[in-house]
């Protein structure tokens, strides 16, 4: 497992559908070692802290393997690391093999997986397409967030070491499917109950899953 690129960006104002929008989704790869604190990378910020950033969303991670899919889906686009707003572009960390609560070491920093990424309208701003959020959700290639448990520094080319696996073993991809699912059958109920036992899963996600379970039962 390897860190392919470290991407940062600061908030900027752009025009979207005739109005000005402030966003930090435009990320660019950086070279050299970059300090990583508990809230973000040096040189990186979030535009709207009510929905982005914070301790549970300090780093957005996206698999480089997904880029081949998007190159087919988005012909004509030059898709370089950071295009989807990710801070880390990685190799060998697909959502199916990463569990919420898994801990990793990258460079001198230590991180824990907290949740899948849910796209907001600013992904549409990035691609100048109202349909992009829907397509991103449908692809189930959404990446995930890290919380930083030990500050350090990272650099493109660093190896990624898994330190521990969460005992509930709920893949990020499974949490994503629970969010997208229109109804919960027995398999979804079992998965949601396992997910509720994951300490690293944020309270907002647990409340959402608990509500889905309650709705099904009533």
N, C-alpha and C. Protein backbone atom coordinates (compact mmCIF):
# COMPACT_ATOMS: atom_id res chain seq x y z
N UNK A 1 0.86 -1.19 0.00
CA UNK A 1 0.00 0.00 0.00
C UNK A 1 0.89 1.23 0.00
N UNK A 2 0.49 2.22 -0.78
CA UNK A 2 1.40 3.35 -1.00
C UNK A 2 0.63 4.66 -1.17
N UNK A 3 1.24 5.73 -0.69
CA UNK A 3 0.70 7.08 -0.89
C UNK A 3 1.22 7.60 -2.23
N UNK A 4 0.34 7.74 -3.21
CA UNK A 4 0.73 8.15 -4.55
C UNK A 4 0.93 9.66 -4.64
N UNK A 5 0.04 10.43 -4.01
CA UNK A 5 0.12 11.89 -4.08
C UNK A 5 -0.47 12.50 -2.82
N UNK A 6 0.10 13.63 -2.42
CA UNK A 6 -0.44 14.47 -1.34
C UNK A 6 -0.95 15.74 -2.01
N UNK A 7 -2.23 16.05 -1.80
CA UNK A 7 -2.88 17.15 -2.51
C UNK A 7 -3.47 18.16 -1.52
N UNK A 8 -3.22 19.42 -1.77
CA UNK A 8 -3.74 20.47 -0.89
C UNK A 8 -4.36 21.59 -1.72
N UNK A 9 -5.15 22.41 -1.06
CA UNK A 9 -5.76 23.56 -1.72
C UNK A 9 -6.43 24.46 -0.71
N UNK A 10 -6.49 25.73 -1.04
CA UNK A 10 -7.13 26.72 -0.17
C UNK A 10 -8.47 27.14 -0.77
N UNK A 11 -9.38 27.63 0.05
CA UNK A 11 -10.67 28.08 -0.47
C UNK A 11 -10.53 29.17 -1.52
N UNK A 12 -11.39 29.08 -2.52
CA UNK A 12 -11.45 30.11 -3.56
C UNK A 12 -12.90 30.35 -3.94
N UNK A 13 -13.17 31.48 -4.55
CA UNK A 13 -14.51 31.80 -5.03
C UNK A 13 -14.61 31.45 -6.51
N UNK A 14 -15.67 30.73 -6.88
CA UNK A 14 -15.93 30.38 -8.27
C UNK A 14 -17.40 30.67 -8.58
N UNK A 15 -17.70 30.81 -9.85
CA UNK A 15 -19.08 31.05 -10.28
C UNK A 15 -19.73 29.74 -10.67
N UNK A 16 -20.89 29.46 -10.09
CA UNK A 16 -21.63 28.24 -10.38
C UNK A 16 -23.10 28.61 -10.52
N UNK A 17 -23.64 28.35 -11.71
CA UNK A 17 -25.05 28.63 -12.00
C UNK A 17 -25.42 30.07 -11.65
N UNK A 18 -24.53 30.98 -12.02
CA UNK A 18 -24.80 32.40 -11.88
C UNK A 18 -24.57 32.98 -10.50
N UNK A 19 -24.05 32.18 -9.57
CA UNK A 19 -23.78 32.73 -8.25
C UNK A 19 -22.37 32.36 -7.81
N UNK A 20 -21.87 33.12 -6.87
CA UNK A 20 -20.52 32.90 -6.37
C UNK A 20 -20.53 31.86 -5.26
N UNK A 21 -19.66 30.88 -5.38
CA UNK A 21 -19.56 29.79 -4.41
C UNK A 21 -18.12 29.73 -3.91
N UNK A 22 -17.97 29.57 -2.60
CA UNK A 22 -16.63 29.42 -2.03
C UNK A 22 -16.36 27.94 -1.79
N UNK A 23 -15.25 27.45 -2.31
CA UNK A 23 -14.95 26.03 -2.24
C UNK A 23 -13.45 25.80 -2.17
N UNK A 24 -13.07 24.69 -1.54
CA UNK A 24 -11.67 24.28 -1.50
C UNK A 24 -11.48 22.92 -2.17
N UNK A 25 -12.41 22.56 -3.06
CA UNK A 25 -12.35 21.25 -3.70
C UNK A 25 -11.23 21.16 -4.73
N UNK A 26 -10.69 22.30 -5.16
CA UNK A 26 -9.62 22.28 -6.15
C UNK A 26 -8.29 22.02 -5.44
N UNK A 27 -7.80 20.78 -5.55
CA UNK A 27 -6.56 20.37 -4.90
C UNK A 27 -5.46 20.13 -5.94
N UNK A 28 -4.23 20.38 -5.54
CA UNK A 28 -3.08 20.15 -6.40
C UNK A 28 -2.03 19.33 -5.66
N UNK A 29 -1.35 18.40 -6.35
CA UNK A 29 -0.28 17.65 -5.71
C UNK A 29 0.86 18.56 -5.27
N UNK A 30 1.44 18.25 -4.13
CA UNK A 30 2.58 19.00 -3.62
C UNK A 30 3.76 18.05 -3.44
N UNK A 31 4.97 18.59 -3.49
CA UNK A 31 6.17 17.79 -3.35
C UNK A 31 6.81 18.04 -1.99
N UNK A 32 7.63 17.09 -1.58
CA UNK A 32 8.31 17.21 -0.30
C UNK A 32 7.44 16.77 0.86
N UNK A 33 8.03 16.77 2.03
CA UNK A 33 7.29 16.34 3.21
C UNK A 33 6.34 17.45 3.65
N UNK A 34 5.13 17.03 4.04
CA UNK A 34 4.07 17.97 4.41
C UNK A 34 3.61 17.65 5.83
N UNK A 35 3.54 18.66 6.66
CA UNK A 35 3.08 18.46 8.04
C UNK A 35 1.59 18.15 8.05
N UNK A 36 1.22 17.17 8.85
CA UNK A 36 -0.18 16.77 9.01
C UNK A 36 -0.56 16.89 10.47
N UNK A 37 -1.50 17.79 10.75
CA UNK A 37 -2.01 17.97 12.10
C UNK A 37 -3.33 17.26 12.28
N UNK A 38 -3.99 17.53 13.38
CA UNK A 38 -5.24 16.84 13.67
C UNK A 38 -6.42 17.38 12.87
N UNK A 39 -6.26 18.52 12.21
CA UNK A 39 -7.36 19.10 11.44
C UNK A 39 -7.13 19.09 9.93
N UNK A 40 -5.89 19.17 9.50
CA UNK A 40 -5.63 19.17 8.06
C UNK A 40 -4.13 19.15 7.78
N UNK A 41 -3.81 19.09 6.51
CA UNK A 41 -2.43 19.20 6.05
C UNK A 41 -2.00 20.66 6.00
N UNK A 42 -0.71 20.88 6.17
CA UNK A 42 -0.18 22.23 6.00
C UNK A 42 -0.46 22.69 4.56
N UNK A 43 -1.08 23.86 4.43
CA UNK A 43 -1.41 24.37 3.10
C UNK A 43 -2.77 23.97 2.60
N UNK A 44 -3.54 23.29 3.43
CA UNK A 44 -4.89 22.85 3.03
C UNK A 44 -5.91 23.39 4.01
N UNK A 45 -7.06 23.78 3.49
CA UNK A 45 -8.15 24.26 4.34
C UNK A 45 -9.48 23.80 3.74
N UNK A 46 -10.54 23.89 4.55
CA UNK A 46 -11.90 23.61 4.08
C UNK A 46 -12.69 24.92 4.07
N UNK A 47 -13.56 25.05 3.07
CA UNK A 47 -14.29 26.30 2.90
C UNK A 47 -15.49 26.40 3.85
N UNK A 48 -16.19 25.29 4.07
CA UNK A 48 -17.40 25.30 4.88
C UNK A 48 -17.25 24.29 6.01
N UNK A 49 -16.85 24.74 7.18
CA UNK A 49 -16.56 23.84 8.29
C UNK A 49 -17.82 23.22 8.90
N UNK A 50 -18.99 23.66 8.47
CA UNK A 50 -20.21 23.05 8.98
C UNK A 50 -20.43 21.66 8.39
N UNK A 51 -19.85 21.38 7.24
CA UNK A 51 -20.02 20.07 6.60
C UNK A 51 -18.70 19.42 6.21
N UNK A 52 -17.61 20.18 6.19
CA UNK A 52 -16.32 19.63 5.80
C UNK A 52 -15.31 19.84 6.94
N UNK A 53 -14.28 19.01 6.94
CA UNK A 53 -13.22 19.19 7.91
C UNK A 53 -13.62 18.76 9.31
N UNK A 54 -12.82 19.19 10.27
CA UNK A 54 -13.03 18.76 11.65
C UNK A 54 -12.19 17.53 11.96
N UNK A 55 -12.21 17.13 13.24
CA UNK A 55 -11.37 16.02 13.68
C UNK A 55 -11.68 14.72 12.95
N UNK A 56 -12.94 14.48 12.62
CA UNK A 56 -13.33 13.21 12.00
C UNK A 56 -13.18 13.22 10.49
N UNK A 57 -12.87 14.38 9.92
CA UNK A 57 -12.68 14.50 8.47
C UNK A 57 -11.41 15.29 8.16
N UNK A 58 -10.34 14.95 8.85
CA UNK A 58 -9.10 15.71 8.69
C UNK A 58 -8.46 15.48 7.33
N UNK A 59 -8.58 14.25 6.81
CA UNK A 59 -7.93 13.88 5.55
C UNK A 59 -8.91 13.08 4.70
N UNK A 60 -9.07 13.50 3.45
CA UNK A 60 -9.90 12.74 2.52
C UNK A 60 -9.00 11.89 1.64
N UNK A 61 -9.29 10.60 1.59
CA UNK A 61 -8.45 9.62 0.90
C UNK A 61 -9.22 9.02 -0.28
N UNK A 62 -8.56 8.91 -1.44
CA UNK A 62 -9.22 8.36 -2.64
C UNK A 62 -8.26 7.43 -3.37
N UNK A 63 -8.78 6.30 -3.80
CA UNK A 63 -7.95 5.28 -4.44
C UNK A 63 -7.58 5.66 -5.87
N UNK A 64 -6.30 5.56 -6.18
CA UNK A 64 -5.86 5.85 -7.55
C UNK A 64 -6.47 4.87 -8.55
N UNK A 65 -6.82 3.65 -8.07
CA UNK A 65 -7.42 2.65 -8.96
C UNK A 65 -8.74 3.12 -9.55
N UNK A 66 -9.42 4.06 -8.88
CA UNK A 66 -10.71 4.54 -9.39
C UNK A 66 -10.55 5.45 -10.61
N UNK A 67 -9.37 5.97 -10.80
CA UNK A 67 -9.18 6.92 -11.89
C UNK A 67 -9.40 6.30 -13.25
N UNK A 68 -9.08 5.03 -13.44
CA UNK A 68 -9.33 4.37 -14.72
C UNK A 68 -10.83 4.36 -15.04
N UNK A 69 -11.64 4.10 -14.02
CA UNK A 69 -13.09 4.11 -14.21
C UNK A 69 -13.56 5.50 -14.65
N UNK A 70 -13.08 6.53 -13.96
CA UNK A 70 -13.54 7.88 -14.28
C UNK A 70 -13.00 8.38 -15.62
N UNK A 71 -11.86 7.89 -16.05
CA UNK A 71 -11.36 8.26 -17.37
C UNK A 71 -12.27 7.73 -18.47
N UNK A 72 -12.88 6.57 -18.22
CA UNK A 72 -13.86 6.05 -19.17
C UNK A 72 -15.18 6.80 -19.08
N UNK A 73 -15.56 7.18 -17.88
CA UNK A 73 -16.84 7.86 -17.66
C UNK A 73 -16.80 9.34 -18.05
N UNK A 74 -15.62 9.94 -17.98
CA UNK A 74 -15.48 11.38 -18.22
C UNK A 74 -14.45 11.64 -19.32
N UNK A 75 -14.73 11.19 -20.54
CA UNK A 75 -13.77 11.40 -21.62
C UNK A 75 -13.54 12.90 -21.85
N UNK A 76 -12.30 13.24 -22.12
CA UNK A 76 -11.97 14.63 -22.37
C UNK A 76 -11.43 15.36 -21.15
N UNK A 77 -11.64 14.77 -19.97
CA UNK A 77 -11.13 15.39 -18.76
C UNK A 77 -9.70 14.92 -18.49
N UNK A 78 -8.85 15.83 -18.09
CA UNK A 78 -7.50 15.49 -17.65
C UNK A 78 -7.57 15.22 -16.15
N UNK A 79 -7.57 13.96 -15.80
CA UNK A 79 -7.78 13.57 -14.41
C UNK A 79 -6.45 13.27 -13.73
N UNK A 80 -5.98 14.22 -12.95
CA UNK A 80 -4.73 14.08 -12.22
C UNK A 80 -5.05 13.89 -10.74
N UNK A 81 -4.11 13.38 -9.94
CA UNK A 81 -4.36 13.26 -8.49
C UNK A 81 -4.87 14.56 -7.90
N UNK A 82 -5.88 14.44 -7.05
CA UNK A 82 -6.49 15.60 -6.43
C UNK A 82 -7.74 16.08 -7.12
N UNK A 83 -8.05 15.53 -8.31
CA UNK A 83 -9.19 16.01 -9.09
C UNK A 83 -10.50 15.87 -8.33
N UNK A 84 -10.64 14.84 -7.51
CA UNK A 84 -11.89 14.62 -6.79
C UNK A 84 -11.89 15.28 -5.41
N UNK A 85 -10.91 16.15 -5.19
CA UNK A 85 -10.85 16.88 -3.93
C UNK A 85 -10.15 16.14 -2.82
N UNK A 86 -9.51 15.01 -3.17
CA UNK A 86 -8.86 14.21 -2.13
C UNK A 86 -7.52 14.81 -1.71
N UNK A 87 -7.19 14.59 -0.44
CA UNK A 87 -5.88 14.97 0.09
C UNK A 87 -4.84 13.90 -0.18
N UNK A 88 -5.25 12.63 -0.04
CA UNK A 88 -4.36 11.50 -0.31
C UNK A 88 -4.89 10.71 -1.50
N UNK A 89 -4.05 10.56 -2.51
CA UNK A 89 -4.34 9.61 -3.58
C UNK A 89 -3.50 8.38 -3.30
N UNK A 90 -4.14 7.22 -3.18
CA UNK A 90 -3.45 6.03 -2.66
C UNK A 90 -3.47 4.87 -3.65
N UNK A 91 -2.62 3.90 -3.38
CA UNK A 91 -2.60 2.65 -4.12
C UNK A 91 -2.76 1.52 -3.12
N UNK A 92 -3.73 0.64 -3.37
CA UNK A 92 -3.91 -0.53 -2.51
C UNK A 92 -4.84 -0.33 -1.34
N UNK A 93 -5.66 0.73 -1.37
CA UNK A 93 -6.61 0.96 -0.29
C UNK A 93 -8.04 1.11 -0.83
N UNK A 94 -8.54 0.10 -1.53
CA UNK A 94 -9.93 0.19 -2.00
C UNK A 94 -10.90 0.11 -0.84
N UNK A 95 -12.07 0.69 -1.02
CA UNK A 95 -13.05 0.75 0.06
C UNK A 95 -13.47 -0.63 0.56
N UNK A 96 -13.38 -1.65 -0.30
CA UNK A 96 -13.80 -2.99 0.10
C UNK A 96 -12.86 -3.62 1.12
N UNK A 97 -11.59 -3.20 1.12
CA UNK A 97 -10.61 -3.84 2.00
C UNK A 97 -10.26 -3.00 3.23
N UNK A 98 -10.88 -1.82 3.34
CA UNK A 98 -10.61 -0.93 4.46
C UNK A 98 -11.85 -0.86 5.35
N UNK A 99 -11.65 -1.08 6.64
CA UNK A 99 -12.76 -1.04 7.59
C UNK A 99 -12.77 0.28 8.35
N UNK A 100 -13.97 0.78 8.63
CA UNK A 100 -14.07 1.91 9.54
C UNK A 100 -13.49 1.48 10.89
N UNK A 101 -12.58 2.29 11.40
CA UNK A 101 -11.89 1.95 12.65
C UNK A 101 -10.52 1.37 12.45
N UNK A 102 -10.16 0.99 11.22
CA UNK A 102 -8.80 0.52 10.96
C UNK A 102 -7.80 1.66 11.17
N UNK A 103 -6.65 1.32 11.72
CA UNK A 103 -5.60 2.31 11.99
C UNK A 103 -4.42 2.09 11.05
N UNK A 104 -3.81 3.19 10.61
CA UNK A 104 -2.70 3.14 9.66
C UNK A 104 -1.59 4.10 10.09
N UNK A 105 -0.38 3.79 9.63
CA UNK A 105 0.73 4.73 9.74
C UNK A 105 1.16 5.13 8.33
N UNK A 106 1.26 6.44 8.10
CA UNK A 106 1.76 6.97 6.84
C UNK A 106 2.81 8.01 7.19
N UNK A 107 4.03 7.81 6.70
CA UNK A 107 5.10 8.67 7.14
C UNK A 107 5.26 8.54 8.65
N UNK A 108 5.32 9.68 9.34
CA UNK A 108 5.40 9.65 10.80
C UNK A 108 4.05 9.89 11.46
N UNK A 109 2.98 9.96 10.67
CA UNK A 109 1.63 10.21 11.19
C UNK A 109 0.87 8.91 11.36
N UNK A 110 -0.06 8.90 12.30
CA UNK A 110 -0.95 7.76 12.48
C UNK A 110 -2.40 8.24 12.33
N UNK A 111 -3.21 7.41 11.66
CA UNK A 111 -4.56 7.82 11.28
C UNK A 111 -5.53 6.66 11.50
N UNK A 112 -6.83 6.99 11.63
CA UNK A 112 -7.86 5.97 11.74
C UNK A 112 -8.99 6.32 10.78
N UNK A 113 -9.54 5.31 10.12
CA UNK A 113 -10.63 5.49 9.16
C UNK A 113 -11.93 5.77 9.93
N UNK A 114 -12.66 6.80 9.51
CA UNK A 114 -13.87 7.18 10.24
C UNK A 114 -15.18 7.00 9.47
N UNK A 115 -15.17 7.24 8.16
CA UNK A 115 -16.45 7.25 7.42
C UNK A 115 -16.21 7.38 5.92
N UNK A 116 -17.21 7.00 5.11
CA UNK A 116 -17.11 7.26 3.68
C UNK A 116 -17.28 8.75 3.40
N UNK A 117 -16.87 9.16 2.23
CA UNK A 117 -17.14 10.53 1.79
C UNK A 117 -18.54 10.57 1.16
N UNK A 118 -19.31 11.54 1.55
CA UNK A 118 -20.59 11.82 0.90
C UNK A 118 -20.43 13.10 0.09
N UNK A 119 -20.61 13.04 -1.23
CA UNK A 119 -20.37 14.23 -2.06
C UNK A 119 -21.44 15.28 -1.86
N UNK A 120 -21.04 16.54 -1.90
CA UNK A 120 -21.99 17.64 -1.87
C UNK A 120 -21.99 18.30 -3.25
N UNK A 121 -22.78 19.34 -3.40
CA UNK A 121 -22.95 19.97 -4.71
C UNK A 121 -21.64 20.52 -5.27
N UNK A 122 -20.64 20.71 -4.41
CA UNK A 122 -19.39 21.29 -4.88
C UNK A 122 -18.60 20.34 -5.79
N UNK A 123 -18.91 19.04 -5.71
CA UNK A 123 -18.33 18.13 -6.70
C UNK A 123 -18.87 18.47 -8.09
N UNK A 124 -20.15 18.86 -8.15
CA UNK A 124 -20.71 19.33 -9.41
C UNK A 124 -20.06 20.61 -9.87
N UNK A 125 -19.73 21.49 -8.92
CA UNK A 125 -19.01 22.72 -9.26
C UNK A 125 -17.66 22.38 -9.89
N UNK A 126 -16.97 21.42 -9.29
CA UNK A 126 -15.64 21.03 -9.79
C UNK A 126 -15.71 20.54 -11.22
N UNK A 127 -16.75 19.79 -11.55
CA UNK A 127 -16.87 19.21 -12.89
C UNK A 127 -17.86 19.96 -13.77
N UNK A 128 -18.40 21.07 -13.24
CA UNK A 128 -19.35 21.86 -14.00
C UNK A 128 -20.49 20.99 -14.53
N UNK A 129 -21.02 20.17 -13.64
CA UNK A 129 -22.07 19.23 -14.03
C UNK A 129 -23.02 19.00 -12.86
N UNK A 130 -24.30 19.29 -13.04
CA UNK A 130 -25.29 19.05 -12.00
C UNK A 130 -25.45 17.56 -11.71
N UNK A 131 -25.09 16.72 -12.68
CA UNK A 131 -25.31 15.28 -12.57
C UNK A 131 -24.17 14.56 -11.86
N UNK A 132 -23.08 15.26 -11.56
CA UNK A 132 -21.89 14.58 -11.07
C UNK A 132 -22.09 13.96 -9.69
N UNK A 133 -22.83 14.60 -8.81
CA UNK A 133 -23.05 14.04 -7.48
C UNK A 133 -23.79 12.70 -7.59
N UNK A 134 -24.82 12.66 -8.42
CA UNK A 134 -25.57 11.41 -8.61
C UNK A 134 -24.67 10.32 -9.17
N UNK A 135 -23.86 10.66 -10.15
CA UNK A 135 -22.98 9.67 -10.77
C UNK A 135 -21.94 9.17 -9.78
N UNK A 136 -21.45 10.06 -8.95
CA UNK A 136 -20.45 9.69 -7.95
C UNK A 136 -21.03 8.71 -6.95
N UNK A 137 -22.24 9.00 -6.45
CA UNK A 137 -22.91 8.09 -5.53
C UNK A 137 -23.17 6.74 -6.17
N UNK A 138 -23.66 6.76 -7.41
CA UNK A 138 -23.98 5.52 -8.11
C UNK A 138 -22.75 4.65 -8.34
N UNK A 139 -21.60 5.28 -8.50
CA UNK A 139 -20.37 4.53 -8.76
C UNK A 139 -19.90 3.75 -7.54
N UNK A 140 -20.30 4.19 -6.34
CA UNK A 140 -19.84 3.64 -5.07
C UNK A 140 -18.32 3.73 -4.94
N UNK A 141 -17.71 4.62 -5.70
CA UNK A 141 -16.27 4.89 -5.60
C UNK A 141 -16.11 6.26 -4.95
N UNK A 142 -16.31 6.31 -3.65
CA UNK A 142 -16.42 7.61 -2.99
C UNK A 142 -15.26 7.94 -2.07
N UNK A 143 -14.40 6.95 -1.77
CA UNK A 143 -13.29 7.23 -0.87
C UNK A 143 -13.76 7.32 0.57
N UNK A 144 -12.85 7.75 1.45
CA UNK A 144 -13.18 7.79 2.87
C UNK A 144 -12.32 8.84 3.58
N UNK A 145 -12.70 9.10 4.83
CA UNK A 145 -11.99 10.08 5.65
C UNK A 145 -11.16 9.41 6.72
N UNK A 146 -10.04 10.07 7.03
CA UNK A 146 -9.20 9.71 8.17
C UNK A 146 -9.33 10.76 9.25
N UNK A 147 -9.28 10.32 10.50
CA UNK A 147 -8.95 11.18 11.63
C UNK A 147 -7.48 10.97 11.93
N UNK A 148 -6.82 11.99 12.40
CA UNK A 148 -5.40 11.91 12.72
C UNK A 148 -5.24 11.65 14.21
N UNK A 149 -4.67 10.52 14.57
CA UNK A 149 -4.47 10.17 15.97
C UNK A 149 -3.08 10.53 16.46
N UNK A 150 -2.16 10.72 15.52
CA UNK A 150 -0.82 11.18 15.86
C UNK A 150 -0.32 12.07 14.74
N UNK A 151 -0.09 13.33 15.05
CA UNK A 151 0.40 14.27 14.03
C UNK A 151 1.80 13.86 13.58
N UNK A 152 2.11 14.21 12.34
CA UNK A 152 3.42 13.88 11.79
C UNK A 152 3.61 14.56 10.46
N UNK A 153 4.41 13.95 9.60
CA UNK A 153 4.55 14.48 8.25
C UNK A 153 4.49 13.34 7.25
N UNK A 154 4.04 13.68 6.05
CA UNK A 154 3.82 12.69 5.00
C UNK A 154 4.41 13.21 3.70
N UNK A 155 4.60 12.29 2.75
CA UNK A 155 5.14 12.67 1.44
C UNK A 155 4.70 11.64 0.41
N UNK A 156 4.45 12.09 -0.80
CA UNK A 156 4.15 11.17 -1.89
C UNK A 156 5.27 10.14 -1.99
N UNK A 157 4.90 8.87 -2.08
CA UNK A 157 5.87 7.79 -2.12
C UNK A 157 5.97 7.04 -0.80
N UNK A 158 5.43 7.61 0.28
CA UNK A 158 5.45 6.92 1.57
C UNK A 158 4.66 5.61 1.48
N UNK A 159 5.15 4.60 2.15
CA UNK A 159 4.39 3.36 2.27
C UNK A 159 3.30 3.54 3.33
N UNK A 160 2.22 2.80 3.17
CA UNK A 160 1.10 2.84 4.10
C UNK A 160 1.08 1.54 4.88
N UNK A 161 1.19 1.62 6.19
CA UNK A 161 1.24 0.44 7.05
C UNK A 161 -0.04 0.35 7.87
N UNK A 162 -0.69 -0.79 7.78
CA UNK A 162 -1.88 -1.00 8.61
C UNK A 162 -1.43 -1.41 10.00
N UNK A 163 -1.85 -0.66 11.01
CA UNK A 163 -1.46 -0.93 12.40
C UNK A 163 -2.42 -1.88 13.09
N UNK A 164 -3.72 -1.75 12.76
CA UNK A 164 -4.71 -2.62 13.40
C UNK A 164 -5.99 -2.62 12.58
N UNK A 165 -6.77 -3.66 12.77
CA UNK A 165 -8.09 -3.76 12.13
C UNK A 165 -9.17 -3.66 13.19
N UNK A 166 -10.24 -2.95 12.85
CA UNK A 166 -11.35 -2.86 13.80
C UNK A 166 -12.01 -4.24 13.95
N UNK A 167 -12.31 -4.65 15.17
CA UNK A 167 -12.87 -6.00 15.38
C UNK A 167 -14.23 -6.22 14.73
N UNK A 168 -15.00 -5.16 14.52
CA UNK A 168 -16.31 -5.34 13.87
C UNK A 168 -16.16 -5.60 12.38
N UNK A 169 -15.03 -5.20 11.79
CA UNK A 169 -14.69 -5.48 10.39
C UNK A 169 -15.80 -5.08 9.42
N UNK A 170 -16.23 -3.83 9.50
CA UNK A 170 -17.24 -3.31 8.58
C UNK A 170 -16.53 -2.48 7.51
N UNK A 171 -16.49 -2.95 6.27
CA UNK A 171 -15.79 -2.21 5.22
C UNK A 171 -16.43 -0.85 4.96
N UNK A 172 -15.62 0.08 4.52
CA UNK A 172 -16.14 1.39 4.11
C UNK A 172 -17.21 1.22 3.04
N UNK A 173 -16.98 0.31 2.10
CA UNK A 173 -17.94 0.09 1.01
C UNK A 173 -19.30 -0.36 1.54
N UNK A 174 -19.30 -1.10 2.66
CA UNK A 174 -20.55 -1.57 3.25
C UNK A 174 -21.32 -0.41 3.86
N UNK A 175 -20.61 0.50 4.53
CA UNK A 175 -21.26 1.68 5.09
C UNK A 175 -21.88 2.51 3.96
N UNK A 176 -21.16 2.63 2.86
CA UNK A 176 -21.68 3.37 1.70
C UNK A 176 -22.97 2.74 1.20
N UNK A 177 -22.97 1.42 1.06
CA UNK A 177 -24.17 0.73 0.55
C UNK A 177 -25.34 0.88 1.52
N UNK A 178 -25.06 0.88 2.82
CA UNK A 178 -26.13 1.09 3.79
C UNK A 178 -26.75 2.47 3.63
N UNK A 179 -25.93 3.44 3.28
CA UNK A 179 -26.44 4.80 3.08
C UNK A 179 -27.29 4.88 1.81
N UNK A 180 -26.86 4.22 0.75
CA UNK A 180 -27.54 4.31 -0.54
C UNK A 180 -28.80 3.45 -0.59
N UNK A 181 -28.81 2.34 0.15
CA UNK A 181 -29.90 1.36 0.06
C UNK A 181 -31.26 2.00 0.28
N UNK A 182 -32.20 1.68 -0.60
CA UNK A 182 -33.56 2.22 -0.48
C UNK A 182 -34.35 1.50 0.60
N UNK A 183 -34.02 0.25 0.84
CA UNK A 183 -34.68 -0.50 1.90
C UNK A 183 -33.67 -1.44 2.53
N UNK A 184 -33.94 -1.81 3.78
CA UNK A 184 -33.06 -2.73 4.50
C UNK A 184 -33.68 -4.12 4.57
N UNK A 185 -32.99 -5.09 4.00
CA UNK A 185 -33.34 -6.48 4.18
C UNK A 185 -32.55 -7.05 5.34
N UNK A 186 -32.61 -8.35 5.55
CA UNK A 186 -31.89 -8.98 6.67
C UNK A 186 -30.38 -8.72 6.63
N UNK A 187 -29.79 -8.74 5.44
CA UNK A 187 -28.34 -8.51 5.34
C UNK A 187 -27.98 -7.09 5.76
N UNK A 188 -28.78 -6.12 5.33
CA UNK A 188 -28.52 -4.72 5.69
C UNK A 188 -28.72 -4.49 7.18
N UNK A 189 -29.71 -5.13 7.75
CA UNK A 189 -29.95 -5.01 9.19
C UNK A 189 -28.75 -5.52 9.97
N UNK A 190 -28.22 -6.67 9.56
CA UNK A 190 -27.07 -7.24 10.24
C UNK A 190 -25.86 -6.32 10.11
N UNK A 191 -25.64 -5.78 8.91
CA UNK A 191 -24.50 -4.89 8.69
C UNK A 191 -24.63 -3.62 9.51
N UNK A 192 -25.83 -3.05 9.54
CA UNK A 192 -26.05 -1.81 10.30
C UNK A 192 -25.81 -2.04 11.78
N UNK A 193 -26.24 -3.15 12.30
CA UNK A 193 -26.02 -3.43 13.72
C UNK A 193 -24.54 -3.60 14.03
N UNK A 194 -23.79 -4.21 13.12
CA UNK A 194 -22.34 -4.31 13.30
C UNK A 194 -21.70 -2.93 13.26
N UNK A 195 -22.16 -2.11 12.32
CA UNK A 195 -21.59 -0.76 12.19
C UNK A 195 -21.80 0.07 13.44
N UNK A 196 -22.93 -0.12 14.11
CA UNK A 196 -23.22 0.64 15.32
C UNK A 196 -22.25 0.31 16.46
N UNK A 197 -21.53 -0.80 16.33
CA UNK A 197 -20.57 -1.19 17.36
C UNK A 197 -19.16 -0.63 17.10
N UNK A 198 -18.99 0.09 15.99
CA UNK A 198 -17.67 0.61 15.63
C UNK A 198 -17.45 1.95 16.33
N UNK A 199 -16.49 1.99 17.23
CA UNK A 199 -16.25 3.21 18.01
C UNK A 199 -15.89 4.40 17.12
N UNK A 200 -15.14 4.17 16.04
CA UNK A 200 -14.64 5.27 15.21
C UNK A 200 -15.73 5.88 14.32
N UNK A 201 -16.85 5.18 14.13
CA UNK A 201 -17.91 5.72 13.28
C UNK A 201 -18.54 6.92 13.99
N UNK A 202 -18.60 8.08 13.33
CA UNK A 202 -19.13 9.29 13.98
C UNK A 202 -20.57 9.13 14.44
N UNK A 203 -20.94 9.90 15.45
CA UNK A 203 -22.27 9.81 16.03
C UNK A 203 -23.35 10.12 15.00
N UNK A 204 -23.10 11.04 14.09
CA UNK A 204 -24.11 11.38 13.08
C UNK A 204 -24.45 10.17 12.21
N UNK A 205 -23.44 9.36 11.88
CA UNK A 205 -23.68 8.14 11.10
C UNK A 205 -24.45 7.11 11.93
N UNK A 206 -24.10 6.99 13.19
CA UNK A 206 -24.80 6.02 14.04
C UNK A 206 -26.27 6.40 14.19
N UNK A 207 -26.54 7.69 14.31
CA UNK A 207 -27.92 8.13 14.42
C UNK A 207 -28.68 7.83 13.13
N UNK A 208 -28.02 8.03 11.99
CA UNK A 208 -28.67 7.75 10.70
C UNK A 208 -29.00 6.26 10.59
N UNK A 209 -28.04 5.40 10.92
CA UNK A 209 -28.27 3.96 10.81
C UNK A 209 -29.32 3.49 11.81
N UNK A 210 -29.28 4.04 13.02
CA UNK A 210 -30.28 3.66 14.02
C UNK A 210 -31.68 4.06 13.57
N UNK A 211 -31.78 5.20 12.92
CA UNK A 211 -33.08 5.65 12.41
C UNK A 211 -33.57 4.73 11.30
N UNK A 212 -32.64 4.31 10.43
CA UNK A 212 -33.05 3.39 9.36
C UNK A 212 -33.53 2.06 9.95
N UNK A 213 -32.86 1.58 10.96
CA UNK A 213 -33.28 0.33 11.59
C UNK A 213 -34.63 0.48 12.27
N UNK A 214 -34.83 1.59 12.96
CA UNK A 214 -36.10 1.83 13.65
C UNK A 214 -37.25 1.95 12.65
N UNK A 215 -36.99 2.63 11.54
CA UNK A 215 -38.02 2.77 10.51
C UNK A 215 -38.42 1.41 9.97
N UNK A 216 -37.45 0.55 9.73
CA UNK A 216 -37.74 -0.78 9.19
C UNK A 216 -38.55 -1.59 10.19
N UNK A 217 -38.19 -1.50 11.46
CA UNK A 217 -38.85 -2.32 12.47
C UNK A 217 -40.28 -1.86 12.76
N UNK A 218 -40.56 -0.57 12.46
CA UNK A 218 -41.91 -0.07 12.73
C UNK A 218 -42.74 -0.05 11.46
